[in-house]
Amino acid sequence: MIMIRFISLAVVVTTASAFSTIPRPPDTHSVAHVNGERPTYMPSRVLPSTENLPASSTHRLSRIEIQKAITDVKRFVEARLESDMNLIRHVTPLAFQRGTGVNDELDGSKSKASVSFVVPNVDAPRGIKIDESLLKDSPFQIEAEVVQSLAKWKRIMLDRLGMDVGQGIYCDSTSIRKGYKGDVTHSAVADQWDYEIRISKEQRSVDQLKSYVKTIWKIITDAEDFILEKYPNILLQGHPTAKMRLPKEITFLTAEELHQMFPDEDVYGRENAAVRKYGAIFIIGMGWPMKDGSAPEEVRSPSYDDWTMNGDIMVLNPITGYRHEISSMGIRVDKDALLKQLEHRGMLHETEYSFQKAVLNDELPYSYGGGIGISRTLMLLLRTAHIGEVQCGLWHDEHYKQVRPLGIDLIPDRIVRE
């Protein structure tokens, strides 16, 4: 969700106590044209160093072992979501009807709008040539859009299923996010364990949020213990930083505290400094501007999380040496929070959407929910240098050329010549 900058792998850290020794990464916000030349797909400074080829996962697990390890992690995490959080697995939609307010608009920018298409609902004849006029102006056509996240839809499902307080659902969801440039942790394919739990009105609190964060963090650290024991080569081979382990405790910081701790840093610098200091953090309060009027820690949709009771889990990635976001979550909006946030963003027109109307009319249960990035978690636990080693994304030919010499083995969507 946030553009991430990376540093070279030319750094050796052998213990969690050495987090603070990692140097600050250089600025990589943009790639400028130099002397009129076409820029590279990605600056070399945001890629692993050629001096540290053993850092690549290809030197630890075979292609077949990686696929087996991916399955093992997913089964472990899903079993623990069911047992530790009282969730049941639910079927997952791939698309929503447009104009209902159910889809996630992410940061609200046009570049990150959902992929849209039309379902004609026409009984077209079979054959190679189809009369395209049959596909136009169908009275039953549906304007649809590809799922970006299930944040609002899951809350609707809690009501549909008649879930009691403390019960919930999770989905293995995959979405297309066309607005992101592919890099070592970003892909146009976003996969998550999307989950939602019904809570009471009294449970709408930061303390309740922290309790859920601790549960999720325990699942992730236990998953690390499990997978590293089953696949010891992940630690026995490769770059020394791969031997770093996640801290068993997560540190809670509000966005305002983070802003005050590192006043001279931008948002990326603050988060990077914090994970170097603590190893793993949960930033509380994503969406509202800082008290000094500066921009929020991150721009968030106004229609699902209460911006005073939400946040992100971020860790220090042992391979990149940089902050690594793996989960976003929050207590969901009630009618007061929804109106306040819509007004702040100048989006009161959304009160006419069916989902927002349901919240304003108290027709949906109070809930807490979020998403755990599947590929981000796999990348972290399996110590891969690139997200494309644990998921099948869409990568430009130029990117393949860049990463091959670095020992990065992207899973291709097409025939790619070695």
Foldseek 3Di string as FASTA:
>chain_A
DDDAAFAEQPDFDQELQQLQVDDDQDDQPDFDDDPNDDTFLGDPGRAYDLVFLQLALVVQDPLVRLVVLLVVLVVLLVVLCCVVQVAAEDEDDFKDFPQQPQAFCWLVDPLFGFAKDKDQPFPWDDDDDTDCVSSPPRPPMTIMTTHPARQLVQLVVCLVVVPDASHKYWYFDWTAGRNDRFDQADFRIFTWGWMKGFHAPVCQDQVNLVVVVLSSLQSLLVSLVVSCVVRVSLCVIGGSLSNYGADNDEAEEEQQRLCVVCVPDDLQVSQFSVQSNGFKYKYAFADDAHPVRHRGSHHGDQAWAQRRFWTWIWGQQSRRSGIQTFKTKGWTDALVSSVVRCVVVVNPVCCPRNSVVCRNVVNTGGMIIIITTSLSSSCRSSSHRGSQSNDEGDDDLSVCVVCVSSNHDGDYPDDDDD
